Amino acid sequence: MQAVGVISTWVVLLQLAMAGAMPSASFTATTTVVGLGLVLNLLNYKNLLSSQIWGIWEDVITIGSVSVLPQVGVHL
């Protein structure tokens, strides 16, 4: 179910990028991270991902989220 939510949110971001409301560099970076996250989550769910790689991914998204969130608030 979460994958459906992620994909539907990505479609909204795609529409924003197509309308020119989201810079293409931001859209590309977001798409890359979301795609990687979906693949890693699927691999983790199927027990095909090492716990070390999963731990690194969790650290990356935690630090990335905390870093990006204040920047998003500034542009609202």
N, C-alpha and C. Protein backbone atom coordinates (compact mmCIF):
# COMPACT_ATOMS: atom_id res chain seq x y z
N MET A 1 0.81 -1.20 0.00
CA MET A 1 0.00 0.00 0.00
C MET A 1 0.86 1.26 0.00
N GLN A 2 1.95 1.21 0.73
CA GLN A 2 2.80 2.40 0.77
C GLN A 2 3.38 2.72 -0.60
N ALA A 3 3.69 1.68 -1.37
CA ALA A 3 4.24 1.91 -2.71
C ALA A 3 3.23 2.65 -3.58
N VAL A 4 1.95 2.33 -3.42
CA VAL A 4 0.91 3.02 -4.19
C VAL A 4 0.89 4.50 -3.81
N GLY A 5 1.01 4.81 -2.54
CA GLY A 5 1.05 6.19 -2.09
C GLY A 5 2.27 6.93 -2.61
N VAL A 6 3.41 6.26 -2.60
CA VAL A 6 4.64 6.88 -3.10
C VAL A 6 4.53 7.17 -4.59
N ILE A 7 4.00 6.21 -5.33
CA ILE A 7 3.86 6.40 -6.78
C ILE A 7 2.85 7.49 -7.11
N SER A 8 1.74 7.52 -6.39
CA SER A 8 0.75 8.57 -6.67
C SER A 8 1.29 9.96 -6.31
N THR A 9 2.09 10.06 -5.25
CA THR A 9 2.72 11.33 -4.91
C THR A 9 3.74 11.72 -5.99
N TRP A 10 4.47 10.73 -6.51
CA TRP A 10 5.43 11.00 -7.58
C TRP A 10 4.71 11.53 -8.82
N VAL A 11 3.52 11.01 -9.11
CA VAL A 11 2.75 11.49 -10.26
C VAL A 11 2.40 12.96 -10.08
N VAL A 12 2.04 13.36 -8.86
CA VAL A 12 1.75 14.78 -8.59
C VAL A 12 3.00 15.62 -8.80
N LEU A 13 4.14 15.13 -8.34
CA LEU A 13 5.40 15.86 -8.55
C LEU A 13 5.73 15.95 -10.04
N LEU A 14 5.45 14.90 -10.78
CA LEU A 14 5.66 14.92 -12.23
C LEU A 14 4.80 16.00 -12.88
N GLN A 15 3.56 16.10 -12.45
CA GLN A 15 2.67 17.13 -12.99
C GLN A 15 3.19 18.53 -12.67
N LEU A 16 3.69 18.71 -11.45
CA LEU A 16 4.26 20.00 -11.08
C LEU A 16 5.49 20.33 -11.93
N ALA A 17 6.33 19.31 -12.17
CA ALA A 17 7.52 19.53 -13.00
C ALA A 17 7.12 19.86 -14.44
N MET A 18 6.12 19.17 -14.95
CA MET A 18 5.68 19.43 -16.32
C MET A 18 5.07 20.82 -16.46
N ALA A 19 4.45 21.30 -15.39
CA ALA A 19 3.83 22.63 -15.42
C ALA A 19 4.86 23.74 -15.16
N GLY A 20 6.09 23.35 -14.83
CA GLY A 20 7.13 24.34 -14.57
C GLY A 20 7.14 24.86 -13.15
N ALA A 21 6.36 24.26 -12.27
CA ALA A 21 6.30 24.70 -10.88
C ALA A 21 7.38 24.05 -10.02
N MET A 22 8.08 23.07 -10.57
CA MET A 22 9.16 22.39 -9.85
C MET A 22 10.36 22.33 -10.78
N PRO A 23 11.51 22.82 -10.33
CA PRO A 23 12.70 22.79 -11.19
C PRO A 23 13.06 21.36 -11.59
N SER A 24 13.56 21.19 -12.81
CA SER A 24 13.87 19.85 -13.31
C SER A 24 14.97 19.18 -12.49
N ALA A 25 15.93 19.95 -11.99
CA ALA A 25 16.99 19.36 -11.16
C ALA A 25 16.42 18.77 -9.87
N SER A 26 15.48 19.48 -9.26
CA SER A 26 14.83 18.98 -8.03
C SER A 26 14.01 17.74 -8.32
N PHE A 27 13.30 17.77 -9.45
CA PHE A 27 12.48 16.62 -9.82
C PHE A 27 13.36 15.40 -10.09
N THR A 28 14.47 15.60 -10.78
CA THR A 28 15.38 14.50 -11.08
C THR A 28 15.97 13.91 -9.81
N ALA A 29 16.40 14.76 -8.90
CA ALA A 29 16.96 14.28 -7.63
C ALA A 29 15.90 13.53 -6.82
N THR A 30 14.70 14.08 -6.76
CA THR A 30 13.61 13.44 -6.02
C THR A 30 13.26 12.09 -6.63
N THR A 31 13.18 12.04 -7.95
CA THR A 31 12.86 10.80 -8.63
C THR A 31 13.92 9.73 -8.37
N THR A 32 15.17 10.13 -8.38
CA THR A 32 16.26 9.18 -8.13
C THR A 32 16.17 8.60 -6.72
N VAL A 33 15.97 9.47 -5.74
CA VAL A 33 15.90 9.01 -4.35
C VAL A 33 14.66 8.14 -4.12
N VAL A 34 13.53 8.55 -4.67
CA VAL A 34 12.30 7.78 -4.51
C VAL A 34 12.44 6.41 -5.17
N GLY A 35 12.99 6.38 -6.38
CA GLY A 35 13.19 5.10 -7.07
C GLY A 35 14.12 4.18 -6.31
N LEU A 36 15.23 4.73 -5.83
CA LEU A 36 16.17 3.94 -5.05
C LEU A 36 15.51 3.43 -3.77
N GLY A 37 14.73 4.29 -3.13
CA GLY A 37 14.03 3.89 -1.91
C GLY A 37 13.05 2.76 -2.15
N LEU A 38 12.31 2.83 -3.26
CA LEU A 38 11.37 1.75 -3.57
C LEU A 38 12.09 0.43 -3.81
N VAL A 39 13.18 0.47 -4.55
CA VAL A 39 13.95 -0.75 -4.82
C VAL A 39 14.54 -1.32 -3.53
N LEU A 40 15.14 -0.47 -2.72
CA LEU A 40 15.74 -0.95 -1.47
C LEU A 40 14.69 -1.50 -0.51
N ASN A 41 13.53 -0.83 -0.44
CA ASN A 41 12.46 -1.35 0.42
C ASN A 41 11.97 -2.70 -0.05
N LEU A 42 11.84 -2.87 -1.36
CA LEU A 42 11.40 -4.16 -1.90
C LEU A 42 12.44 -5.25 -1.59
N LEU A 43 13.70 -4.93 -1.81
CA LEU A 43 14.76 -5.90 -1.51
C LEU A 43 14.78 -6.25 -0.02
N ASN A 44 14.60 -5.26 0.83
CA ASN A 44 14.57 -5.50 2.27
C ASN A 44 13.36 -6.36 2.65
N TYR A 45 12.22 -6.08 2.05
CA TYR A 45 11.00 -6.85 2.33
C TYR A 45 11.18 -8.32 1.95
N LYS A 46 11.89 -8.55 0.85
CA LYS A 46 12.12 -9.93 0.38
C LYS A 46 13.35 -10.56 1.02
N ASN A 47 13.95 -9.89 2.00
CA ASN A 47 15.16 -10.36 2.70
C ASN A 47 16.33 -10.59 1.74
N LEU A 48 16.45 -9.74 0.75
CA LEU A 48 17.54 -9.83 -0.22
C LEU A 48 18.56 -8.71 -0.03
N LEU A 49 18.43 -7.94 1.04
CA LEU A 49 19.30 -6.80 1.29
C LEU A 49 19.99 -7.01 2.63
N SER A 50 21.30 -6.75 2.66
CA SER A 50 22.02 -6.93 3.92
C SER A 50 21.58 -5.85 4.92
N SER A 51 21.66 -6.19 6.18
CA SER A 51 21.27 -5.25 7.23
C SER A 51 22.19 -4.03 7.25
N GLN A 52 23.44 -4.22 6.83
CA GLN A 52 24.38 -3.09 6.80
C GLN A 52 23.95 -2.06 5.77
N ILE A 53 23.58 -2.51 4.58
CA ILE A 53 23.12 -1.58 3.53
C ILE A 53 21.82 -0.91 3.97
N TRP A 54 20.93 -1.67 4.57
CA TRP A 54 19.67 -1.09 5.04
C TRP A 54 19.92 -0.02 6.10
N GLY A 55 20.85 -0.28 7.00
CA GLY A 55 21.20 0.70 8.04
C GLY A 55 21.77 1.98 7.45
N ILE A 56 22.62 1.83 6.44
CA ILE A 56 23.18 3.01 5.77
C ILE A 56 22.05 3.80 5.10
N TRP A 57 21.13 3.10 4.43
CA TRP A 57 20.00 3.77 3.76
C TRP A 57 19.16 4.54 4.77
N GLU A 58 18.88 3.92 5.92
CA GLU A 58 18.09 4.60 6.95
C GLU A 58 18.80 5.87 7.42
N ASP A 59 20.12 5.79 7.61
CA ASP A 59 20.88 6.97 8.02
C ASP A 59 20.83 8.06 6.96
N VAL A 60 20.99 7.67 5.71
CA VAL A 60 20.98 8.64 4.61
C VAL A 60 19.64 9.36 4.53
N ILE A 61 18.53 8.61 4.59
CA ILE A 61 17.23 9.28 4.46
C ILE A 61 16.89 10.11 5.70
N THR A 62 17.37 9.69 6.86
CA THR A 62 17.12 10.48 8.07
C THR A 62 17.88 11.81 8.00
N ILE A 63 19.16 11.73 7.69
CA ILE A 63 19.98 12.96 7.60
C ILE A 63 19.49 13.83 6.44
N GLY A 64 19.19 13.20 5.31
CA GLY A 64 18.69 13.95 4.16
C GLY A 64 17.39 14.66 4.45
N SER A 65 16.48 13.98 5.13
CA SER A 65 15.19 14.59 5.45
C SER A 65 15.35 15.78 6.39
N VAL A 66 16.17 15.61 7.40
CA VAL A 66 16.39 16.70 8.36
C VAL A 66 17.08 17.88 7.68
N SER A 67 17.92 17.61 6.69
CA SER A 67 18.63 18.68 5.98
C SER A 67 17.73 19.43 5.01
N VAL A 68 16.85 18.70 4.34
CA VAL A 68 16.03 19.29 3.27
C VAL A 68 14.78 19.97 3.83
N LEU A 69 14.21 19.45 4.88
CA LEU A 69 12.95 19.97 5.40
C LEU A 69 12.98 21.46 5.70
N PRO A 70 14.00 21.99 6.38
CA PRO A 70 14.01 23.44 6.63
C PRO A 70 14.08 24.26 5.34
N GLN A 71 14.72 23.73 4.32
CA GLN A 71 14.82 24.44 3.05
C GLN A 71 13.48 24.51 2.35
N VAL A 72 12.68 23.46 2.48
CA VAL A 72 11.36 23.44 1.87
C VAL A 72 10.47 24.48 2.55
N GLY A 73 10.56 24.56 3.88
CA GLY A 73 9.75 25.52 4.62
C GLY A 73 10.05 26.97 4.24
N VAL A 74 11.28 27.26 3.88
CA VAL A 74 11.67 28.61 3.50
C VAL A 74 10.99 29.02 2.20
N HIS A 75 10.78 28.08 1.29
CA HIS A 75 10.23 28.39 -0.02
C HIS A 75 8.71 28.41 -0.04
N LEU A 76 8.08 28.01 1.06
CA LEU A 76 6.61 28.04 1.11
C LEU A 76 6.20 29.45 1.35
